[in-house]
């Protein structure tokens, strides 16, 4: 696959999942660094890249794909990371939807604590952590009887959920009570070509320091 350009934000787990898959597949790509908290997505030129003003965006020749799970589905087509059978593909889709739902509980909590818009000891944070914990409980139960989420090998279902689950401790959700999840994370990280280059949130992520659609 040639002509790949990724509009990317280094500290974003959603962008991370795309970078992980690109490297697992051995694909060459140009990376365009976008500072989502520095105002880069608010420009007229970026609105032409993605009217929703978000990252990641994958440019494939003259076409663009937005939303991280849509991107990794596209990239995984005809590879071992996306099964060919309809039942298995349905199960992959199930876990991608799970990630959008339950993963968002962790994502929003981690981000808001990280940028200082949510007191980690507040009642709101407690409720959000409980929602995140319920998602981890579901994932733990599924992984007790299976090495990966779908079938016998790593798929985009695993990579999508890895992105935010592995940083759950940053949202105040320790993973020590989840041995199956810890084993699963390690299995993913052992995949040939795996690289986790997630960057920490920068200083302009702090409340009032940046300029973006995130406030």
C-alpha atoms as a PDB file:
ATOM      1  CA  UNK A   1       0.000   0.000   0.000  1.00  0.00           C
ATOM      2  CA  UNK A   2       1.553   3.284  -1.111  1.00  0.00           C
ATOM      3  CA  UNK A   3       0.768   6.948  -0.628  1.00  0.00           C
ATOM      4  CA  UNK A   4      -0.203   6.774   3.058  1.00  0.00           C
ATOM      5  CA  UNK A   5      -0.187   9.946   5.125  1.00  0.00           C
ATOM      6  CA  UNK A   6      -1.296   9.983   8.764  1.00  0.00           C
ATOM      7  CA  UNK A   7      -2.477  13.184  10.414  1.00  0.00           C
ATOM      8  CA  UNK A   8      -1.413  12.349  13.919  1.00  0.00           C
ATOM      9  CA  UNK A   9      -1.296  13.583  17.518  1.00  0.00           C
ATOM     10  CA  UNK A  10       1.415  11.810  19.502  1.00  0.00           C
ATOM     11  CA  UNK A  11      -0.313  11.782  22.934  1.00  0.00           C
ATOM     12  CA  UNK A  12      -3.595  10.379  21.567  1.00  0.00           C
ATOM     13  CA  UNK A  13      -4.302   6.663  22.158  1.00  0.00           C
ATOM     14  CA  UNK A  14      -6.686   6.793  19.181  1.00  0.00           C
ATOM     15  CA  UNK A  15      -3.786   7.828  16.977  1.00  0.00           C
ATOM     16  CA  UNK A  16      -1.550   5.278  18.690  1.00  0.00           C
ATOM     17  CA  UNK A  17      -3.732   2.344  17.597  1.00  0.00           C
ATOM     18  CA  UNK A  18      -3.316   3.407  13.962  1.00  0.00           C
ATOM     19  CA  UNK A  19       0.460   3.781  14.283  1.00  0.00           C
ATOM     20  CA  UNK A  20       0.699   0.369  15.952  1.00  0.00           C
ATOM     21  CA  UNK A  21      -1.143  -1.350  13.116  1.00  0.00           C
ATOM     22  CA  UNK A  22       0.788   0.457  10.399  1.00  0.00           C
ATOM     23  CA  UNK A  23       4.016  -0.805  11.942  1.00  0.00           C
ATOM     24  CA  UNK A  24       2.726  -4.320  12.573  1.00  0.00           C
ATOM     25  CA  UNK A  25       1.858  -4.466   8.872  1.00  0.00           C
ATOM     26  CA  UNK A  26       5.258  -3.041   7.895  1.00  0.00           C
ATOM     27  CA  UNK A  27       3.653  -0.188   5.969  1.00  0.00           C
ATOM     28  CA  UNK A  28       5.530   2.994   5.165  1.00  0.00           C
ATOM     29  CA  UNK A  29       3.669   6.204   5.915  1.00  0.00           C
ATOM     30  CA  UNK A  30       4.249   9.919   6.162  1.00  0.00           C
ATOM     31  CA  UNK A  31       3.311  11.374   9.531  1.00  0.00           C
ATOM     32  CA  UNK A  32       1.891  14.900   9.778  1.00  0.00           C
ATOM     33  CA  UNK A  33       2.056  16.026  13.398  1.00  0.00           C
ATOM     34  CA  UNK A  34      -1.066  17.925  14.445  1.00  0.00           C
ATOM     35  CA  UNK A  35      -1.152  19.785  17.760  1.00  0.00           C
ATOM     36  CA  UNK A  36      -4.827  19.389  18.636  1.00  0.00           C
ATOM     37  CA  UNK A  37      -4.378  21.519  21.756  1.00  0.00           C
ATOM     38  CA  UNK A  38      -2.333  24.188  20.020  1.00  0.00           C
ATOM     39  CA  UNK A  39      -5.012  25.230  17.559  1.00  0.00           C
ATOM     40  CA  UNK A  40      -3.835  23.233  14.536  1.00  0.00           C
ATOM     41  CA  UNK A  41      -7.240  21.634  14.009  1.00  0.00           C
ATOM     42  CA  UNK A  42      -9.001  25.024  14.114  1.00  0.00           C
ATOM     43  CA  UNK A  43      -7.506  26.266  10.860  1.00  0.00           C
ATOM     44  CA  UNK A  44      -9.428  26.446   7.613  1.00  0.00           C
ATOM     45  CA  UNK A  45      -6.869  24.186   5.964  1.00  0.00           C
ATOM     46  CA  UNK A  46      -7.391  21.425   8.552  1.00  0.00           C
ATOM     47  CA  UNK A  47     -11.159  21.700   8.169  1.00  0.00           C
ATOM     48  CA  UNK A  48     -10.594  20.549   4.592  1.00  0.00           C
ATOM     49  CA  UNK A  49      -8.727  17.508   5.910  1.00  0.00           C
ATOM     50  CA  UNK A  50     -11.413  16.645   8.469  1.00  0.00           C
ATOM     51  CA  UNK A  51     -14.468  18.885   8.986  1.00  0.00           C
ATOM     52  CA  UNK A  52     -14.868  17.331  12.455  1.00  0.00           C
ATOM     53  CA  UNK A  53     -11.430  18.821  13.293  1.00  0.00           C
ATOM     54  CA  UNK A  54     -10.158  15.646  14.941  1.00  0.00           C
ATOM     55  CA  UNK A  55      -7.292  13.206  14.587  1.00  0.00           C
ATOM     56  CA  UNK A  56      -6.361  10.683  13.340  1.00  0.00           C
ATOM     57  CA  UNK A  57      -6.981  11.010   9.632  1.00  0.00           C
ATOM     58  CA  UNK A  58      -5.449   8.608   7.115  1.00  0.00           C
ATOM     59  CA  UNK A  59      -4.883   9.981   3.637  1.00  0.00           C
ATOM     60  CA  UNK A  60      -4.741   7.282   0.979  1.00  0.00           C
ATOM     61  CA  UNK A  61      -3.696   8.883  -2.294  1.00  0.00           C
ATOM     62  CA  UNK A  62      -6.578  11.323  -2.902  1.00  0.00           C
ATOM     63  CA  UNK A  63      -8.981   9.859  -0.351  1.00  0.00           C
ATOM     64  CA  UNK A  64      -9.174  10.378   3.406  1.00  0.00           C
ATOM     65  CA  UNK A  65     -10.486   8.101   6.135  1.00  0.00           C
ATOM     66  CA  UNK A  66     -11.488   9.548   9.501  1.00  0.00           C
ATOM     67  CA  UNK A  67     -12.188   7.827  12.844  1.00  0.00           C
ATOM     68  CA  UNK A  68      -9.525   5.524  14.237  1.00  0.00           C
ATOM     69  CA  UNK A  69     -11.536   2.307  14.159  1.00  0.00           C
ATOM     70  CA  UNK A  70     -12.578   2.884  10.553  1.00  0.00           C
ATOM     71  CA  UNK A  71      -8.920   3.457   9.684  1.00  0.00           C
ATOM     72  CA  UNK A  72      -7.649   0.273  11.305  1.00  0.00           C
ATOM     73  CA  UNK A  73     -10.485  -1.759   9.739  1.00  0.00           C
ATOM     74  CA  UNK A  74      -9.450  -0.452   6.314  1.00  0.00           C
ATOM     75  CA  UNK A  75      -5.770  -1.159   6.901  1.00  0.00           C
ATOM     76  CA  UNK A  76      -6.443  -4.658   8.223  1.00  0.00           C
ATOM     77  CA  UNK A  77      -8.545  -5.800   5.274  1.00  0.00           C
ATOM     78  CA  UNK A  78      -7.084  -8.979   3.723  1.00  0.00           C
ATOM     79  CA  UNK A  79      -4.605  -9.386   6.595  1.00  0.00           C
ATOM     80  CA  UNK A  80      -4.548 -11.616   9.658  1.00  0.00           C
ATOM     81  CA  UNK A  81      -5.688  -8.659  11.764  1.00  0.00           C
ATOM     82  CA  UNK A  82      -9.197  -8.859  10.298  1.00  0.00           C
ATOM     83  CA  UNK A  83     -10.821 -12.295   9.909  1.00  0.00           C
ATOM     84  CA  UNK A  84     -12.494 -13.168   6.625  1.00  0.00           C
ATOM     85  CA  UNK A  85     -15.443 -15.115   8.033  1.00  0.00           C
ATOM     86  CA  UNK A  86     -18.711 -13.223   8.611  1.00  0.00           C
ATOM     87  CA  UNK A  87     -19.168 -14.490  12.169  1.00  0.00           C
ATOM     88  CA  UNK A  88     -15.631 -13.569  13.191  1.00  0.00           C
ATOM     89  CA  UNK A  89     -15.936 -10.159  11.513  1.00  0.00           C
ATOM     90  CA  UNK A  90     -19.148  -9.555  13.439  1.00  0.00           C
ATOM     91  CA  UNK A  91     -17.296 -10.349  16.651  1.00  0.00           C
ATOM     92  CA  UNK A  92     -14.528  -7.923  15.717  1.00  0.00           C
ATOM     93  CA  UNK A  93     -17.156  -5.256  15.087  1.00  0.00           C
ATOM     94  CA  UNK A  94     -18.727  -6.031  18.450  1.00  0.00           C
ATOM     95  CA  UNK A  95     -15.437  -5.295  20.209  1.00  0.00           C
ATOM     96  CA  UNK A  96     -14.832  -2.143  18.189  1.00  0.00           C
ATOM     97  CA  UNK A  97     -18.235  -0.881  19.331  1.00  0.00           C
ATOM     98  CA  UNK A  98     -17.393  -1.936  22.886  1.00  0.00           C
ATOM     99  CA  UNK A  99     -14.228   0.146  22.670  1.00  0.00           C
ATOM    100  CA  UNK A 100     -16.169   3.195  21.515  1.00  0.00           C
ATOM    101  CA  UNK A 101     -18.538   2.800  24.462  1.00  0.00           C
ATOM    102  CA  UNK A 102     -16.543   1.439  27.404  1.00  0.00           C
ATOM    103  CA  UNK A 103     -13.214   2.795  26.213  1.00  0.00           C
ATOM    104  CA  UNK A 104     -14.682   6.274  26.149  1.00  0.00           C
ATOM    105  CA  UNK A 105     -15.323   6.019  29.893  1.00  0.00           C
ATOM    106  CA  UNK A 106     -11.582   5.578  30.453  1.00  0.00           C
ATOM    107  CA  UNK A 107     -10.596   8.046  27.748  1.00  0.00           C
ATOM    108  CA  UNK A 108     -12.717  10.922  29.037  1.00  0.00           C
ATOM    109  CA  UNK A 109     -11.679  10.361  32.644  1.00  0.00           C
ATOM    110  CA  UNK A 110      -7.971  10.131  31.781  1.00  0.00           C
ATOM    111  CA  UNK A 111      -8.074  13.244  29.619  1.00  0.00           C
ATOM    112  CA  UNK A 112     -10.064  15.397  32.024  1.00  0.00           C
ATOM    113  CA  UNK A 113      -7.852  14.487  34.970  1.00  0.00           C
ATOM    114  CA  UNK A 114      -4.758  15.024  32.826  1.00  0.00           C
ATOM    115  CA  UNK A 115      -5.756  18.512  31.680  1.00  0.00           C
ATOM    116  CA  UNK A 116      -7.058  19.543  35.106  1.00  0.00           C
ATOM    117  CA  UNK A 117     -10.761  19.937  34.335  1.00  0.00           C
ATOM    118  CA  UNK A 118     -11.788  17.171  36.742  1.00  0.00           C
ATOM    119  CA  UNK A 119     -10.782  16.671  40.353  1.00  0.00           C
ATOM    120  CA  UNK A 120      -9.774  12.981  40.626  1.00  0.00           C
ATOM    121  CA  UNK A 121     -11.378  12.865  44.077  1.00  0.00           C
ATOM    122  CA  UNK A 122     -14.702  14.359  42.982  1.00  0.00           C
ATOM    123  CA  UNK A 123     -18.018  12.535  42.874  1.00  0.00           C
ATOM    124  CA  UNK A 124     -18.079  12.932  39.088  1.00  0.00           C
ATOM    125  CA  UNK A 125     -14.685  11.239  38.820  1.00  0.00           C
ATOM    126  CA  UNK A 126     -15.836   8.451  41.133  1.00  0.00           C
ATOM    127  CA  UNK A 127     -18.860   7.747  38.935  1.00  0.00           C
ATOM    128  CA  UNK A 128     -16.736   7.772  35.796  1.00  0.00           C
ATOM    129  CA  UNK A 129     -14.217   5.394  37.367  1.00  0.00           C
ATOM    130  CA  UNK A 130     -17.020   3.015  38.281  1.00  0.00           C
ATOM    131  CA  UNK A 131     -18.195   3.040  34.653  1.00  0.00           C
ATOM    132  CA  UNK A 132     -14.624   2.369  33.514  1.00  0.00           C
ATOM    133  CA  UNK A 133     -14.325  -0.439  36.040  1.00  0.00           C
ATOM    134  CA  UNK A 134     -17.434  -2.119  34.668  1.00  0.00           C
ATOM    135  CA  UNK A 135     -15.862  -2.104  31.218  1.00  0.00           C
ATOM    136  CA  UNK A 136     -12.656  -3.622  32.552  1.00  0.00           C
ATOM    137  CA  UNK A 137     -14.692  -6.287  34.345  1.00  0.00           C
ATOM    138  CA  UNK A 138     -16.338  -7.260  31.037  1.00  0.00           C
ATOM    139  CA  UNK A 139     -13.003  -7.399  29.260  1.00  0.00           C
ATOM    140  CA  UNK A 140     -11.423  -9.465  32.023  1.00  0.00           C
ATOM    141  CA  UNK A 141     -14.255 -11.998  31.875  1.00  0.00           C
ATOM    142  CA  UNK A 142     -13.921 -12.383  28.093  1.00  0.00           C
ATOM    143  CA  UNK A 143     -10.140 -12.830  28.289  1.00  0.00           C
ATOM    144  CA  UNK A 144     -10.170 -15.479  31.009  1.00  0.00           C
ATOM    145  CA  UNK A 145     -11.079 -18.089  28.420  1.00  0.00           C
ATOM    146  CA  UNK A 146      -9.323 -16.652  25.360  1.00  0.00           C
ATOM    147  CA  UNK A 147      -5.850 -15.386  24.546  1.00  0.00           C
ATOM    148  CA  UNK A 148      -7.263 -12.699  22.259  1.00  0.00           C
ATOM    149  CA  UNK A 149     -10.706 -11.165  21.848  1.00  0.00           C
ATOM    150  CA  UNK A 150     -11.570 -12.872  18.552  1.00  0.00           C
ATOM    151  CA  UNK A 151     -10.095 -16.166  17.364  1.00  0.00           C
ATOM    152  CA  UNK A 152      -6.586 -17.378  18.017  1.00  0.00           C
ATOM    153  CA  UNK A 153      -4.598 -14.343  16.929  1.00  0.00           C
ATOM    154  CA  UNK A 154      -4.300 -10.614  17.463  1.00  0.00           C
ATOM    155  CA  UNK A 155      -6.876  -8.608  15.515  1.00  0.00           C
ATOM    156  CA  UNK A 156      -7.937  -4.987  15.286  1.00  0.00           C
ATOM    157  CA  UNK A 157     -10.398  -5.787  18.086  1.00  0.00           C
ATOM    158  CA  UNK A 158      -7.403  -6.208  20.389  1.00  0.00           C
ATOM    159  CA  UNK A 159      -5.503  -3.202  19.076  1.00  0.00           C
ATOM    160  CA  UNK A 160      -8.496  -0.884  19.399  1.00  0.00           C
ATOM    161  CA  UNK A 161      -9.116  -1.866  23.006  1.00  0.00           C
ATOM    162  CA  UNK A 162      -5.415  -1.891  23.893  1.00  0.00           C
ATOM    163  CA  UNK A 163      -5.163   1.829  23.171  1.00  0.00           C
ATOM    164  CA  UNK A 164      -7.036   3.078  26.234  1.00  0.00           C
ATOM    165  CA  UNK A 165      -6.986  -0.013  28.445  1.00  0.00           C
ATOM    166  CA  UNK A 166      -3.203   0.086  28.801  1.00  0.00           C
ATOM    167  CA  UNK A 167      -3.395   3.654  30.158  1.00  0.00           C
ATOM    168  CA  UNK A 168      -6.320   2.970  32.502  1.00  0.00           C
ATOM    169  CA  UNK A 169      -4.059   3.543  35.560  1.00  0.00           C
ATOM    170  CA  UNK A 170      -3.720   7.169  34.427  1.00  0.00           C
ATOM    171  CA  UNK A 171      -7.486   7.430  34.964  1.00  0.00           C
ATOM    172  CA  UNK A 172      -7.190   5.997  38.466  1.00  0.00           C
ATOM    173  CA  UNK A 173      -8.047   2.466  37.371  1.00  0.00           C
ATOM    174  CA  UNK A 174      -5.210   0.115  38.393  1.00  0.00           C
ATOM    175  CA  UNK A 175      -4.888  -3.075  36.360  1.00  0.00           C
ATOM    176  CA  UNK A 176      -3.472  -5.282  39.123  1.00  0.00           C
ATOM    177  CA  UNK A 177      -6.939  -6.767  39.835  1.00  0.00           C
ATOM    178  CA  UNK A 178      -7.174  -7.905  36.190  1.00  0.00           C
ATOM    179  CA  UNK A 179      -4.639 -10.691  35.538  1.00  0.00           C
ATOM    180  CA  UNK A 180      -6.235 -11.759  32.245  1.00  0.00           C
ATOM    181  CA  UNK A 181      -6.058  -8.193  30.941  1.00  0.00           C
ATOM    182  CA  UNK A 182      -2.427  -7.873  32.008  1.00  0.00           C
ATOM    183  CA  UNK A 183      -1.573 -11.122  30.217  1.00  0.00           C
ATOM    184  CA  UNK A 184      -3.454  -9.937  27.114  1.00  0.00           C
ATOM    185  CA  UNK A 185      -1.655  -6.578  27.068  1.00  0.00           C
ATOM    186  CA  UNK A 186       1.664  -8.403  27.219  1.00  0.00           C
ATOM    187  CA  UNK A 187       0.630 -10.689  24.344  1.00  0.00           C
ATOM    188  CA  UNK A 188      -0.195  -7.700  22.174  1.00  0.00           C
ATOM    189  CA  UNK A 189       3.105  -6.033  23.010  1.00  0.00           C
ATOM    190  CA  UNK A 190       4.940  -9.198  21.936  1.00  0.00           C
ATOM    191  CA  UNK A 191       3.603  -8.977  18.377  1.00  0.00           C
ATOM    192  CA  UNK A 192       6.461  -8.632  15.861  1.00  0.00           C
ATOM    193  CA  UNK A 193       6.937  -4.991  14.968  1.00  0.00           C
ATOM    194  CA  UNK A 194       4.918  -3.665  17.908  1.00  0.00           C
ATOM    195  CA  UNK A 195       5.905  -0.173  19.071  1.00  0.00           C
ATOM    196  CA  UNK A 196       4.152   1.862  21.744  1.00  0.00           C
ATOM    197  CA  UNK A 197       5.334   5.432  21.228  1.00  0.00           C
ATOM    198  CA  UNK A 198       2.473   7.175  23.018  1.00  0.00           C
ATOM    199  CA  UNK A 199       3.624  10.600  24.160  1.00  0.00           C
ATOM    200  CA  UNK A 200       2.642  12.209  27.484  1.00  0.00           C
ATOM    201  CA  UNK A 201       0.179  15.084  27.463  1.00  0.00           C
ATOM    202  CA  UNK A 202       2.165  18.290  26.892  1.00  0.00           C
ATOM    203  CA  UNK A 203       2.054  21.478  28.949  1.00  0.00           C
ATOM    204  CA  UNK A 204      -0.459  23.106  26.613  1.00  0.00           C
ATOM    205  CA  UNK A 205      -2.927  20.387  27.568  1.00  0.00           C
ATOM    206  CA  UNK A 206      -3.451  22.044  30.946  1.00  0.00           C
ATOM    207  CA  UNK A 207      -6.683  23.965  31.355  1.00  0.00           C
ATOM    208  CA  UNK A 208      -6.436  27.446  29.863  1.00  0.00           C
ATOM    209  CA  UNK A 209      -3.069  26.762  28.229  1.00  0.00           C
ATOM    210  CA  UNK A 210      -4.196  25.507  24.833  1.00  0.00           C
ATOM    211  CA  UNK A 211      -6.575  26.380  22.058  1.00  0.00           C
ATOM    212  CA  UNK A 212      -8.757  23.642  20.599  1.00  0.00           C
ATOM    213  CA  UNK A 213     -12.239  22.201  20.275  1.00  0.00           C
ATOM    214  CA  UNK A 214     -11.547  20.432  23.571  1.00  0.00           C
ATOM    215  CA  UNK A 215     -11.492  23.676  25.591  1.00  0.00           C
END
